[in-house]
Amino acid sequence: MSTQFEVVVDIDRPIENVFAYLADGRHDPEFSPRVLRIDKSPDGDTRVGTVFHSTVKDAGMRSRRDFEISELSAPHRIRWHEVSHNSVTAGEGGYDLEPTADGGTRVRLFNVLEGHGLGKALLPLAGSAARKDAPAFARRIKTAVEASA
């Protein structure tokens, strides 16, 4: 059982800059208030196999989330999947980037959420909340990336 959300946003920065920013998941707390802490292993450049270990707060509860980079095709595509075991996980997620005519970048973000055990009952609520927040999430990404330059 799964559900998906996605959102598209235009960012006023060159595609290479946007890709570099988004590929470093340690920036996630700058646009995702649910991320309380995030670390990366191994150190160094992000590559396939890099894992971002985060502590997040969802619905008032803290949980550990570990996301592994499964594809990295600079500067157009980033894919991840959650390797932690929670009730609701992101089985697949990613960014698709394309340059815009004015020198900016169009970013499509998506996550495929999966329910496990009790999470199967929570999945419709989690998916609805993610879809509802998606436009604001896109605006927060835009603001964070543009401020980072």
Protein backbone atom coordinates (compact mmCIF):
# COMPACT_ATOMS: atom_id res chain seq x y z
CA MET A 1 0.00 0.00 0.00
CA SER A 2 1.47 3.38 -1.00
CA THR A 3 0.56 6.95 -1.79
CA GLN A 4 2.51 9.70 -3.51
CA PHE A 5 2.83 13.45 -3.34
CA GLU A 6 4.73 15.76 -5.62
CA VAL A 7 5.29 19.44 -6.18
CA VAL A 8 7.08 21.61 -8.74
CA VAL A 9 8.83 24.91 -8.02
CA ASP A 10 10.97 27.32 -10.03
CA ILE A 11 14.12 28.51 -8.29
CA ASP A 12 16.07 31.59 -9.34
CA ARG A 13 19.47 29.89 -9.33
CA PRO A 14 21.47 27.96 -11.96
CA ILE A 15 20.82 24.22 -12.10
CA GLU A 16 24.35 23.30 -10.92
CA ASN A 17 23.91 25.39 -7.75
CA VAL A 18 20.46 23.96 -7.02
CA PHE A 19 21.68 20.40 -7.58
CA ALA A 20 24.67 20.86 -5.26
CA TYR A 21 22.45 22.33 -2.54
CA LEU A 22 19.79 19.61 -2.73
CA ALA A 23 22.30 16.75 -3.04
CA ASP A 24 23.64 17.68 0.39
CA GLY A 25 20.76 16.50 2.55
CA ARG A 26 22.30 18.27 5.54
CA HIS A 27 20.47 21.35 4.22
CA ASP A 28 17.07 19.73 4.88
CA PRO A 29 16.51 21.49 8.27
CA GLU A 30 16.74 24.82 6.42
CA PHE A 31 13.44 24.09 4.65
CA SER A 32 11.86 21.21 6.56
CA PRO A 33 10.86 22.19 10.10
CA ARG A 34 10.15 18.54 10.95
CA VAL A 35 13.89 17.72 10.63
CA LEU A 36 15.48 18.37 14.02
CA ARG A 37 18.93 16.95 13.24
CA ILE A 38 20.67 15.36 10.26
CA ASP A 39 24.06 13.75 9.72
CA LYS A 40 25.70 12.13 6.72
CA SER A 41 27.79 9.01 6.27
CA PRO A 42 30.30 8.61 4.96
CA ASP A 43 31.84 12.10 5.04
CA GLY A 44 32.76 13.70 1.74
CA ASP A 45 30.77 14.29 -1.40
CA THR A 46 27.29 12.82 -1.68
CA ARG A 47 27.25 9.74 -3.91
CA VAL A 48 25.17 6.62 -4.46
CA GLY A 49 25.18 4.79 -1.13
CA THR A 50 25.48 7.91 1.02
CA VAL A 51 23.07 7.74 3.96
CA PHE A 52 21.54 10.75 5.69
CA HIS A 53 20.57 9.97 9.30
CA SER A 54 17.92 12.32 10.66
CA THR A 55 15.82 12.85 13.73
CA VAL A 56 12.38 14.19 12.82
CA LYS A 57 9.25 15.20 14.64
CA ASP A 58 5.96 14.10 13.07
CA ALA A 59 2.60 14.46 14.80
CA GLY A 60 4.38 15.30 18.05
CA MET A 61 6.53 12.16 18.00
CA ARG A 62 10.26 11.91 17.36
CA SER A 63 11.63 9.21 15.11
CA ARG A 64 14.88 8.26 13.43
CA ARG A 65 14.87 8.36 9.63
CA ASP A 66 17.68 7.07 7.44
CA PHE A 67 17.66 7.85 3.71
CA GLU A 68 20.08 6.28 1.25
CA ILE A 69 20.97 7.95 -2.04
CA SER A 70 20.09 5.44 -4.76
CA GLU A 71 20.78 7.57 -7.84
CA LEU A 72 22.73 10.76 -8.45
CA SER A 73 22.92 12.09 -12.00
CA ALA A 74 24.31 15.62 -11.89
CA PRO A 75 22.77 18.06 -12.41
CA HIS A 76 19.36 16.58 -13.26
CA ARG A 77 18.33 13.76 -10.96
CA ILE A 78 18.56 12.72 -7.29
CA ARG A 79 16.82 9.63 -5.89
CA TRP A 80 16.63 8.20 -2.39
CA HIS A 81 14.81 5.56 -0.41
CA GLU A 82 14.27 5.20 3.30
CA VAL A 83 16.21 2.38 4.93
CA SER A 84 14.88 2.92 8.45
CA HIS A 85 11.94 0.91 9.74
CA ASN A 86 9.01 3.14 10.68
CA SER A 87 5.24 2.83 10.34
CA VAL A 88 5.23 5.16 7.33
CA THR A 89 8.34 5.41 5.16
CA ALA A 90 9.43 6.96 1.88
CA GLY A 91 9.96 3.93 -0.32
CA GLU A 92 11.18 6.22 -3.06
CA GLY A 93 11.71 9.94 -3.37
CA GLY A 94 13.61 12.35 -5.47
CA TYR A 95 14.27 15.59 -7.24
CA ASP A 96 14.14 16.12 -10.99
CA LEU A 97 15.83 19.35 -12.10
CA GLU A 98 15.73 21.13 -15.44
CA PRO A 99 17.06 24.53 -16.48
CA THR A 100 14.55 27.26 -17.26
CA ALA A 101 14.88 29.74 -20.14
CA ASP A 102 15.78 32.56 -17.74
CA GLY A 103 18.75 30.73 -16.18
CA GLY A 104 16.86 29.35 -13.20
CA THR A 105 15.89 25.80 -12.33
CA ARG A 106 12.58 23.96 -12.28
CA VAL A 107 12.55 21.35 -9.51
CA ARG A 108 10.07 18.52 -9.16
CA LEU A 109 10.09 16.85 -5.75
CA PHE A 110 8.20 13.63 -5.06
CA ASN A 111 7.92 10.99 -2.36
CA VAL A 112 6.16 7.65 -2.51
CA LEU A 113 4.98 6.89 1.02
CA GLU A 114 4.46 3.32 2.19
CA GLY A 115 2.63 2.03 5.23
CA HIS A 116 3.93 -0.87 7.32
CA GLY A 117 1.92 -2.62 10.04
CA LEU A 118 -0.13 0.06 11.83
CA GLY A 119 1.26 2.52 9.26
CA LYS A 120 -1.10 1.07 6.65
CA ALA A 121 -3.97 2.63 8.59
CA LEU A 122 -2.04 5.91 9.02
CA LEU A 123 -0.97 6.13 5.37
CA PRO A 124 -4.04 8.01 4.05
CA LEU A 125 -3.64 10.65 6.78
CA ALA A 126 0.13 10.94 6.19
CA GLY A 127 -0.36 11.24 2.43
CA SER A 128 -3.08 13.84 2.83
CA ALA A 129 -0.92 15.91 5.19
CA ALA A 130 2.07 15.70 2.81
CA ARG A 131 -0.02 16.76 -0.19
CA LYS A 132 -1.58 19.62 1.78
CA ASP A 133 1.88 20.90 2.83
CA ALA A 134 3.49 20.37 -0.60
CA PRO A 135 3.01 23.95 -1.94
CA ALA A 136 4.40 25.48 1.28
CA PHE A 137 7.22 22.93 1.27
CA ALA A 138 8.13 23.98 -2.28
CA ARG A 139 8.16 27.65 -1.25
CA ARG A 140 10.46 26.83 1.69
CA ILE A 141 12.86 24.98 -0.63
CA LYS A 142 12.87 27.93 -3.04
CA THR A 143 13.54 30.41 -0.25
CA ALA A 144 16.32 28.30 1.28
CA VAL A 145 18.12 27.61 -2.03
CA GLU A 146 17.92 31.23 -3.16
CA ALA A 147 19.20 32.45 0.23
CA SER A 148 22.15 30.06 0.09
CA ALA A 149 23.81 31.71 -2.90
